[in-house]
């Protein structure tokens, strides 16, 4: 799901289907993909108070997202919509090996 929160901020929600949650391998894939975009990108487990920088592997791993949890992604900047769409797709497709 992708929503326009305001002029240049986009928000997406996706269910974490990875069997063991957000451990090292998916966290690295998520941050590598996030770093390809100019946009500022933040993520959190749905309902959490704090948004986490999607470009920080340590912070993504520290959020300890469990299998089945909903991940919210928020991005702002020139390529924010594409960034949110790409990250939602990466998580929804269970971090395929071809993705970086």
C-alpha atoms as a PDB file:
ATOM      1  CA  UNK A   1       0.000   0.000   0.000  1.00  0.00           C
ATOM      2  CA  UNK A   2       1.323   3.434  -0.931  1.00  0.00           C
ATOM      3  CA  UNK A   3      -0.111   6.718   0.293  1.00  0.00           C
ATOM      4  CA  UNK A   4       0.879  10.302  -0.303  1.00  0.00           C
ATOM      5  CA  UNK A   5       1.125  11.829   3.174  1.00  0.00           C
ATOM      6  CA  UNK A   6       1.812  15.340   1.882  1.00  0.00           C
ATOM      7  CA  UNK A   7       3.470  17.064  -1.090  1.00  0.00           C
ATOM      8  CA  UNK A   8       6.676  15.027  -1.191  1.00  0.00           C
ATOM      9  CA  UNK A   9       6.285  12.405   1.544  1.00  0.00           C
ATOM     10  CA  UNK A  10       5.136   8.905   0.696  1.00  0.00           C
ATOM     11  CA  UNK A  11       4.195   6.149   3.125  1.00  0.00           C
ATOM     12  CA  UNK A  12       3.933   2.422   2.466  1.00  0.00           C
ATOM     13  CA  UNK A  13       2.948  -0.575   4.579  1.00  0.00           C
ATOM     14  CA  UNK A  14       4.044  -4.148   4.017  1.00  0.00           C
ATOM     15  CA  UNK A  15       3.857  -7.405   5.966  1.00  0.00           C
ATOM     16  CA  UNK A  16       7.217  -8.936   6.867  1.00  0.00           C
ATOM     17  CA  UNK A  17       6.984 -12.463   5.467  1.00  0.00           C
ATOM     18  CA  UNK A  18      10.609 -13.470   6.077  1.00  0.00           C
ATOM     19  CA  UNK A  19      10.542 -16.578   8.293  1.00  0.00           C
ATOM     20  CA  UNK A  20      12.905 -15.289  10.980  1.00  0.00           C
ATOM     21  CA  UNK A  21      12.067 -11.603  10.772  1.00  0.00           C
ATOM     22  CA  UNK A  22      14.446  -8.729  10.123  1.00  0.00           C
ATOM     23  CA  UNK A  23      17.827 -10.308  10.818  1.00  0.00           C
ATOM     24  CA  UNK A  24      21.197  -9.458   9.239  1.00  0.00           C
ATOM     25  CA  UNK A  25      20.676 -10.617   5.633  1.00  0.00           C
ATOM     26  CA  UNK A  26      17.365  -8.849   4.986  1.00  0.00           C
ATOM     27  CA  UNK A  27      18.542  -5.789   6.932  1.00  0.00           C
ATOM     28  CA  UNK A  28      21.602  -5.489   4.675  1.00  0.00           C
ATOM     29  CA  UNK A  29      19.468  -5.893   1.539  1.00  0.00           C
ATOM     30  CA  UNK A  30      17.010  -3.270   2.746  1.00  0.00           C
ATOM     31  CA  UNK A  31      19.714  -0.712   3.573  1.00  0.00           C
ATOM     32  CA  UNK A  32      21.619  -1.352   0.315  1.00  0.00           C
ATOM     33  CA  UNK A  33      18.453  -0.685  -1.655  1.00  0.00           C
ATOM     34  CA  UNK A  34      17.573   2.368   0.441  1.00  0.00           C
ATOM     35  CA  UNK A  35      21.022   3.862  -0.181  1.00  0.00           C
ATOM     36  CA  UNK A  36      20.378   3.810  -3.949  1.00  0.00           C
ATOM     37  CA  UNK A  37      17.815   6.582  -3.484  1.00  0.00           C
ATOM     38  CA  UNK A  38      18.365  10.274  -2.781  1.00  0.00           C
ATOM     39  CA  UNK A  39      15.243  10.380  -0.598  1.00  0.00           C
ATOM     40  CA  UNK A  40      15.361  10.351   3.175  1.00  0.00           C
ATOM     41  CA  UNK A  41      13.819   6.991   4.098  1.00  0.00           C
ATOM     42  CA  UNK A  42      12.580   5.834   7.482  1.00  0.00           C
ATOM     43  CA  UNK A  43      11.011   2.584   8.646  1.00  0.00           C
ATOM     44  CA  UNK A  44       9.316   1.260  11.761  1.00  0.00           C
ATOM     45  CA  UNK A  45       7.268  -1.655  12.963  1.00  0.00           C
ATOM     46  CA  UNK A  46       3.626  -0.545  12.815  1.00  0.00           C
ATOM     47  CA  UNK A  47       2.648   1.154  16.040  1.00  0.00           C
ATOM     48  CA  UNK A  48       6.207   1.916  17.172  1.00  0.00           C
ATOM     49  CA  UNK A  49       6.844   5.473  18.281  1.00  0.00           C
ATOM     50  CA  UNK A  50      10.233   5.893  16.638  1.00  0.00           C
ATOM     51  CA  UNK A  51      11.024   6.026  12.912  1.00  0.00           C
ATOM     52  CA  UNK A  52      14.399   4.434  12.049  1.00  0.00           C
ATOM     53  CA  UNK A  53      16.803   5.533   9.313  1.00  0.00           C
ATOM     54  CA  UNK A  54      16.452   2.899   6.570  1.00  0.00           C
ATOM     55  CA  UNK A  55      20.059   3.491   5.493  1.00  0.00           C
ATOM     56  CA  UNK A  56      21.514   2.228   8.814  1.00  0.00           C
ATOM     57  CA  UNK A  57      22.013  -1.553   9.000  1.00  0.00           C
ATOM     58  CA  UNK A  58      22.568  -1.492  12.773  1.00  0.00           C
ATOM     59  CA  UNK A  59      19.361   0.448  13.407  1.00  0.00           C
ATOM     60  CA  UNK A  60      17.308  -1.768  11.082  1.00  0.00           C
ATOM     61  CA  UNK A  61      18.544  -4.898  12.867  1.00  0.00           C
ATOM     62  CA  UNK A  62      17.937  -3.269  16.260  1.00  0.00           C
ATOM     63  CA  UNK A  63      14.257  -2.678  15.481  1.00  0.00           C
ATOM     64  CA  UNK A  64      13.814  -6.477  15.826  1.00  0.00           C
ATOM     65  CA  UNK A  65      10.880  -6.762  13.465  1.00  0.00           C
ATOM     66  CA  UNK A  66       9.312 -10.190  13.851  1.00  0.00           C
ATOM     67  CA  UNK A  67       7.878 -12.460  11.157  1.00  0.00           C
ATOM     68  CA  UNK A  68       4.338 -11.345  10.356  1.00  0.00           C
ATOM     69  CA  UNK A  69       4.758  -7.807  11.644  1.00  0.00           C
ATOM     70  CA  UNK A  70       3.761  -4.849   9.498  1.00  0.00           C
ATOM     71  CA  UNK A  71       6.593  -2.589   8.400  1.00  0.00           C
ATOM     72  CA  UNK A  72       5.810   1.056   7.694  1.00  0.00           C
ATOM     73  CA  UNK A  73       8.077   2.923   5.284  1.00  0.00           C
ATOM     74  CA  UNK A  74       8.138   6.711   4.980  1.00  0.00           C
ATOM     75  CA  UNK A  75      10.229   8.642   2.469  1.00  0.00           C
ATOM     76  CA  UNK A  76      10.582  12.245   1.400  1.00  0.00           C
ATOM     77  CA  UNK A  77      12.536  13.769  -1.445  1.00  0.00           C
ATOM     78  CA  UNK A  78      12.693  13.760  -5.213  1.00  0.00           C
ATOM     79  CA  UNK A  79      12.563   9.973  -5.608  1.00  0.00           C
ATOM     80  CA  UNK A  80      10.552   9.197  -2.474  1.00  0.00           C
ATOM     81  CA  UNK A  81       7.672   7.476  -4.254  1.00  0.00           C
ATOM     82  CA  UNK A  82      10.028   5.130  -6.138  1.00  0.00           C
ATOM     83  CA  UNK A  83      11.986   4.433  -2.936  1.00  0.00           C
ATOM     84  CA  UNK A  84       8.894   3.421  -0.970  1.00  0.00           C
ATOM     85  CA  UNK A  85       7.603   1.278  -3.845  1.00  0.00           C
ATOM     86  CA  UNK A  86      10.975  -0.503  -4.219  1.00  0.00           C
ATOM     87  CA  UNK A  87      11.329  -1.205  -0.486  1.00  0.00           C
ATOM     88  CA  UNK A  88       7.733  -2.438  -0.170  1.00  0.00           C
ATOM     89  CA  UNK A  89       8.383  -4.782  -3.107  1.00  0.00           C
ATOM     90  CA  UNK A  90      11.664  -6.025  -1.610  1.00  0.00           C
ATOM     91  CA  UNK A  91       9.998  -6.904   1.700  1.00  0.00           C
ATOM     92  CA  UNK A  92       6.812  -8.300   0.104  1.00  0.00           C
ATOM     93  CA  UNK A  93       8.839 -10.662  -2.104  1.00  0.00           C
ATOM     94  CA  UNK A  94      10.871 -11.918   0.897  1.00  0.00           C
ATOM     95  CA  UNK A  95      14.233 -10.338  -0.006  1.00  0.00           C
ATOM     96  CA  UNK A  96      14.989 -12.390  -3.137  1.00  0.00           C
ATOM     97  CA  UNK A  97      18.625 -13.267  -3.784  1.00  0.00           C
ATOM     98  CA  UNK A  98      18.704 -11.249  -6.993  1.00  0.00           C
ATOM     99  CA  UNK A  99      17.909  -8.049  -5.064  1.00  0.00           C
ATOM    100  CA  UNK A 100      20.613  -5.918  -3.550  1.00  0.00           C
END
